[in-house]
Amino acid sequence: MLDNQQWDFNHPLRQHKHLTQEVMEKIEKAKISMDTLRETSADEIGAWIKFQKMGAVVKRCAEEFPQLDLEVSIQPITRNVLRVRILLLPNFR
């Protein structure tokens, strides 16, 4: 946050230098979340921001943003002891 002079209410994709100010303003105005950007096709993103060519760039930047998948399993062993297994998987390029 300090390095990029970015506030917590700014969209996380502001960290990418490949995206212009205009594109970032459109993404923030539409309030598109990172999860939505990762799950949506590049054509749809281009239609949302009304800049078809940048849809693929925004999609690639969203996929490069670090995200972890978390799997947890809890198993009781005794009344006072639990076995907790946590699996963290990286989900980004």
N, C-alpha and C. Protein backbone atom coordinates (compact mmCIF):
# COMPACT_ATOMS: atom_id res chain seq x y z
N MET A 1 0.82 -1.18 0.00
CA MET A 1 0.00 0.00 0.00
C MET A 1 0.88 1.26 0.00
N LEU A 2 1.93 1.23 0.78
CA LEU A 2 2.79 2.41 0.86
C LEU A 2 3.65 2.57 -0.38
N ASP A 3 4.17 1.44 -0.89
CA ASP A 3 5.03 1.51 -2.07
C ASP A 3 4.29 2.07 -3.28
N ASN A 4 3.05 1.63 -3.47
CA ASN A 4 2.27 2.03 -4.64
C ASN A 4 1.39 3.25 -4.37
N GLN A 5 1.46 3.80 -3.18
CA GLN A 5 0.61 4.92 -2.77
C GLN A 5 -0.85 4.60 -3.10
N GLN A 6 -1.29 3.48 -2.57
CA GLN A 6 -2.63 2.98 -2.86
C GLN A 6 -3.38 2.77 -1.55
N TRP A 7 -4.64 3.18 -1.51
CA TRP A 7 -5.47 3.00 -0.33
C TRP A 7 -6.19 1.67 -0.40
N ASP A 8 -6.70 1.23 0.74
CA ASP A 8 -7.37 -0.07 0.80
C ASP A 8 -8.70 -0.08 0.04
N PHE A 9 -9.28 1.07 -0.26
CA PHE A 9 -10.52 1.10 -1.02
C PHE A 9 -10.28 1.09 -2.54
N ASN A 10 -9.02 1.23 -2.98
CA ASN A 10 -8.70 1.13 -4.40
C ASN A 10 -8.73 -0.33 -4.84
N HIS A 11 -9.00 -0.53 -6.12
CA HIS A 11 -9.03 -1.89 -6.67
C HIS A 11 -7.62 -2.47 -6.67
N PRO A 12 -7.47 -3.75 -6.34
CA PRO A 12 -6.13 -4.36 -6.30
C PRO A 12 -5.39 -4.32 -7.63
N LEU A 13 -6.09 -4.28 -8.75
CA LEU A 13 -5.42 -4.27 -10.05
C LEU A 13 -4.70 -2.95 -10.33
N ARG A 14 -4.87 -1.95 -9.49
CA ARG A 14 -4.13 -0.70 -9.68
C ARG A 14 -2.63 -0.92 -9.56
N GLN A 15 -2.23 -2.05 -9.00
CA GLN A 15 -0.80 -2.36 -8.85
C GLN A 15 -0.15 -2.70 -10.18
N HIS A 16 -0.93 -3.11 -11.17
CA HIS A 16 -0.38 -3.46 -12.48
C HIS A 16 -0.13 -2.20 -13.29
N LYS A 17 1.05 -2.13 -13.86
CA LYS A 17 1.41 -0.96 -14.66
C LYS A 17 0.88 -1.06 -16.10
N HIS A 18 0.37 -2.23 -16.50
CA HIS A 18 -0.12 -2.42 -17.86
C HIS A 18 -1.51 -1.81 -18.07
N LEU A 19 -2.21 -1.51 -16.99
CA LEU A 19 -3.57 -0.99 -17.10
C LEU A 19 -3.57 0.53 -16.97
N THR A 20 -4.27 1.17 -17.87
CA THR A 20 -4.32 2.64 -17.87
C THR A 20 -5.26 3.14 -16.79
N GLN A 21 -5.15 4.41 -16.50
CA GLN A 21 -6.01 5.06 -15.51
C GLN A 21 -7.47 4.97 -15.93
N GLU A 22 -7.73 5.14 -17.22
CA GLU A 22 -9.09 5.09 -17.75
C GLU A 22 -9.73 3.72 -17.52
N VAL A 23 -8.98 2.67 -17.79
CA VAL A 23 -9.49 1.31 -17.60
C VAL A 23 -9.76 1.04 -16.12
N MET A 24 -8.84 1.47 -15.26
CA MET A 24 -9.02 1.25 -13.83
C MET A 24 -10.23 2.01 -13.29
N GLU A 25 -10.46 3.20 -13.78
CA GLU A 25 -11.64 3.96 -13.35
C GLU A 25 -12.92 3.25 -13.75
N LYS A 26 -12.94 2.66 -14.95
CA LYS A 26 -14.13 1.93 -15.40
C LYS A 26 -14.36 0.68 -14.56
N ILE A 27 -13.29 -0.02 -14.21
CA ILE A 27 -13.42 -1.22 -13.38
C ILE A 27 -13.93 -0.84 -11.99
N GLU A 28 -13.38 0.22 -11.42
CA GLU A 28 -13.80 0.66 -10.09
C GLU A 28 -15.22 1.20 -10.09
N LYS A 29 -15.59 1.89 -11.15
CA LYS A 29 -16.95 2.44 -11.24
C LYS A 29 -17.98 1.31 -11.34
N ALA A 30 -17.64 0.24 -12.07
CA ALA A 30 -18.55 -0.90 -12.21
C ALA A 30 -18.50 -1.82 -10.98
N LYS A 31 -17.53 -1.59 -10.07
CA LYS A 31 -17.36 -2.39 -8.85
C LYS A 31 -17.24 -3.88 -9.17
N ILE A 32 -16.34 -4.18 -10.09
CA ILE A 32 -16.10 -5.57 -10.49
C ILE A 32 -15.05 -6.16 -9.57
N SER A 33 -15.37 -7.26 -8.91
CA SER A 33 -14.45 -7.87 -7.96
C SER A 33 -13.38 -8.69 -8.69
N MET A 34 -12.33 -9.03 -7.97
CA MET A 34 -11.25 -9.84 -8.54
C MET A 34 -11.77 -11.23 -8.91
N ASP A 35 -12.62 -11.80 -8.07
CA ASP A 35 -13.17 -13.13 -8.37
C ASP A 35 -13.98 -13.10 -9.66
N THR A 36 -14.75 -12.06 -9.86
CA THR A 36 -15.56 -11.94 -11.07
C THR A 36 -14.66 -11.79 -12.29
N LEU A 37 -13.59 -11.01 -12.17
CA LEU A 37 -12.67 -10.84 -13.29
C LEU A 37 -11.97 -12.15 -13.65
N ARG A 38 -11.64 -12.96 -12.64
CA ARG A 38 -10.96 -14.23 -12.90
C ARG A 38 -11.88 -15.25 -13.56
N GLU A 39 -13.18 -15.20 -13.25
CA GLU A 39 -14.13 -16.19 -13.75
C GLU A 39 -14.77 -15.80 -15.08
N THR A 40 -14.65 -14.55 -15.48
CA THR A 40 -15.31 -14.04 -16.67
C THR A 40 -14.37 -14.11 -17.87
N SER A 41 -14.94 -14.25 -19.05
CA SER A 41 -14.12 -14.30 -20.26
C SER A 41 -13.60 -12.90 -20.61
N ALA A 42 -12.55 -12.87 -21.41
CA ALA A 42 -11.94 -11.60 -21.81
C ALA A 42 -12.91 -10.76 -22.63
N ASP A 43 -13.75 -11.41 -23.47
CA ASP A 43 -14.72 -10.66 -24.28
C ASP A 43 -15.74 -9.94 -23.40
N GLU A 44 -16.21 -10.62 -22.35
CA GLU A 44 -17.19 -10.01 -21.45
C GLU A 44 -16.58 -8.84 -20.68
N ILE A 45 -15.34 -9.01 -20.25
CA ILE A 45 -14.66 -7.93 -19.53
C ILE A 45 -14.50 -6.72 -20.46
N GLY A 46 -14.13 -6.97 -21.70
CA GLY A 46 -14.00 -5.89 -22.68
C GLY A 46 -15.32 -5.16 -22.89
N ALA A 47 -16.42 -5.90 -22.88
CA ALA A 47 -17.74 -5.28 -23.04
C ALA A 47 -18.10 -4.45 -21.80
N TRP A 48 -17.74 -4.94 -20.61
CA TRP A 48 -18.05 -4.21 -19.38
C TRP A 48 -17.32 -2.87 -19.32
N ILE A 49 -16.06 -2.89 -19.73
CA ILE A 49 -15.28 -1.64 -19.65
C ILE A 49 -15.35 -0.83 -20.94
N LYS A 50 -16.10 -1.34 -21.93
CA LYS A 50 -16.30 -0.66 -23.21
C LYS A 50 -14.97 -0.38 -23.92
N PHE A 51 -14.08 -1.38 -23.83
CA PHE A 51 -12.77 -1.30 -24.45
C PHE A 51 -12.34 -2.74 -24.74
N GLN A 52 -12.81 -3.25 -25.88
CA GLN A 52 -12.70 -4.67 -26.20
C GLN A 52 -11.25 -5.17 -26.22
N LYS A 53 -10.33 -4.37 -26.72
CA LYS A 53 -8.94 -4.81 -26.82
C LYS A 53 -8.29 -5.01 -25.45
N MET A 54 -8.71 -4.24 -24.47
CA MET A 54 -8.12 -4.35 -23.14
C MET A 54 -8.72 -5.46 -22.30
N GLY A 55 -9.76 -6.11 -22.78
CA GLY A 55 -10.38 -7.20 -22.03
C GLY A 55 -9.41 -8.33 -21.75
N ALA A 56 -8.61 -8.71 -22.75
CA ALA A 56 -7.63 -9.78 -22.57
C ALA A 56 -6.53 -9.37 -21.61
N VAL A 57 -6.12 -8.11 -21.64
CA VAL A 57 -5.06 -7.63 -20.75
C VAL A 57 -5.56 -7.63 -19.31
N VAL A 58 -6.79 -7.16 -19.10
CA VAL A 58 -7.36 -7.14 -17.75
C VAL A 58 -7.50 -8.57 -17.22
N LYS A 59 -7.94 -9.48 -18.06
CA LYS A 59 -8.10 -10.89 -17.67
C LYS A 59 -6.74 -11.48 -17.26
N ARG A 60 -5.70 -11.22 -18.05
CA ARG A 60 -4.36 -11.74 -17.74
C ARG A 60 -3.84 -11.15 -16.43
N CYS A 61 -4.06 -9.85 -16.23
CA CYS A 61 -3.62 -9.22 -14.98
C CYS A 61 -4.36 -9.79 -13.77
N ALA A 62 -5.63 -10.08 -13.93
CA ALA A 62 -6.41 -10.66 -12.83
C ALA A 62 -5.92 -12.07 -12.51
N GLU A 63 -5.53 -12.83 -13.53
CA GLU A 63 -5.03 -14.19 -13.30
C GLU A 63 -3.63 -14.18 -12.69
N GLU A 64 -2.86 -13.12 -12.88
CA GLU A 64 -1.52 -13.02 -12.30
C GLU A 64 -1.56 -12.59 -10.84
N PHE A 65 -2.68 -12.03 -10.40
CA PHE A 65 -2.78 -11.56 -9.03
C PHE A 65 -2.79 -12.75 -8.08
N PRO A 66 -1.95 -12.75 -7.05
CA PRO A 66 -1.85 -13.91 -6.16
C PRO A 66 -3.16 -14.25 -5.45
N GLN A 67 -3.50 -15.53 -5.49
CA GLN A 67 -4.69 -16.03 -4.81
C GLN A 67 -4.40 -17.44 -4.35
N LEU A 68 -4.87 -17.79 -3.18
CA LEU A 68 -4.67 -19.12 -2.64
C LEU A 68 -5.99 -19.84 -2.49
N ASP A 69 -6.01 -21.13 -2.85
CA ASP A 69 -7.17 -21.98 -2.57
C ASP A 69 -6.89 -22.70 -1.26
N LEU A 70 -7.89 -22.78 -0.42
CA LEU A 70 -7.73 -23.32 0.91
C LEU A 70 -8.69 -24.48 1.10
N GLU A 71 -8.16 -25.62 1.54
CA GLU A 71 -8.99 -26.78 1.88
C GLU A 71 -8.69 -27.14 3.33
N VAL A 72 -9.73 -27.29 4.13
CA VAL A 72 -9.58 -27.59 5.54
C VAL A 72 -10.41 -28.80 5.89
N SER A 73 -9.85 -29.70 6.67
CA SER A 73 -10.62 -30.82 7.20
C SER A 73 -10.34 -30.91 8.70
N ILE A 74 -11.39 -31.11 9.46
CA ILE A 74 -11.29 -31.20 10.91
C ILE A 74 -11.81 -32.56 11.33
N GLN A 75 -11.05 -33.23 12.19
CA GLN A 75 -11.43 -34.57 12.64
C GLN A 75 -11.24 -34.64 14.15
N PRO A 76 -12.31 -34.98 14.89
CA PRO A 76 -12.14 -35.12 16.35
C PRO A 76 -11.36 -36.40 16.67
N ILE A 77 -10.41 -36.28 17.59
CA ILE A 77 -9.65 -37.45 18.04
C ILE A 77 -10.13 -37.86 19.43
N THR A 78 -10.16 -36.92 20.34
CA THR A 78 -10.75 -37.13 21.66
C THR A 78 -11.67 -35.95 21.95
N ARG A 79 -12.18 -35.89 23.17
CA ARG A 79 -13.06 -34.78 23.52
C ARG A 79 -12.33 -33.44 23.50
N ASN A 80 -11.05 -33.47 23.77
CA ASN A 80 -10.28 -32.22 23.88
C ASN A 80 -9.29 -32.00 22.75
N VAL A 81 -9.16 -32.95 21.83
CA VAL A 81 -8.16 -32.85 20.77
C VAL A 81 -8.82 -32.97 19.41
N LEU A 82 -8.45 -32.06 18.52
CA LEU A 82 -8.92 -32.10 17.14
C LEU A 82 -7.72 -32.21 16.21
N ARG A 83 -7.90 -32.92 15.12
CA ARG A 83 -6.89 -32.94 14.06
C ARG A 83 -7.36 -31.98 12.98
N VAL A 84 -6.52 -31.03 12.67
CA VAL A 84 -6.85 -30.03 11.65
C VAL A 84 -5.84 -30.17 10.52
N ARG A 85 -6.33 -30.39 9.33
CA ARG A 85 -5.47 -30.46 8.14
C ARG A 85 -5.82 -29.29 7.23
N ILE A 86 -4.78 -28.58 6.83
CA ILE A 86 -4.96 -27.42 5.97
C ILE A 86 -4.12 -27.63 4.71
N LEU A 87 -4.75 -27.46 3.56
CA LEU A 87 -4.05 -27.58 2.28
C LEU A 87 -4.17 -26.24 1.56
N LEU A 88 -3.02 -25.60 1.32
CA LEU A 88 -2.97 -24.33 0.59
C LEU A 88 -2.42 -24.59 -0.80
N LEU A 89 -3.16 -24.15 -1.81
CA LEU A 89 -2.74 -24.32 -3.20
C LEU A 89 -2.68 -22.97 -3.90
N PRO A 90 -1.58 -22.67 -4.59
CA PRO A 90 -1.52 -21.41 -5.33
C PRO A 90 -2.44 -21.47 -6.56
N ASN A 91 -3.13 -20.37 -6.81
CA ASN A 91 -4.06 -20.31 -7.93
C ASN A 91 -3.79 -19.03 -8.72
N PHE A 92 -2.59 -18.96 -9.30
CA PHE A 92 -2.22 -17.80 -10.12
C PHE A 92 -1.04 -18.17 -11.00
N ARG A 93 -0.80 -17.34 -12.00
CA ARG A 93 0.35 -17.54 -12.88
C ARG A 93 1.50 -16.68 -12.44
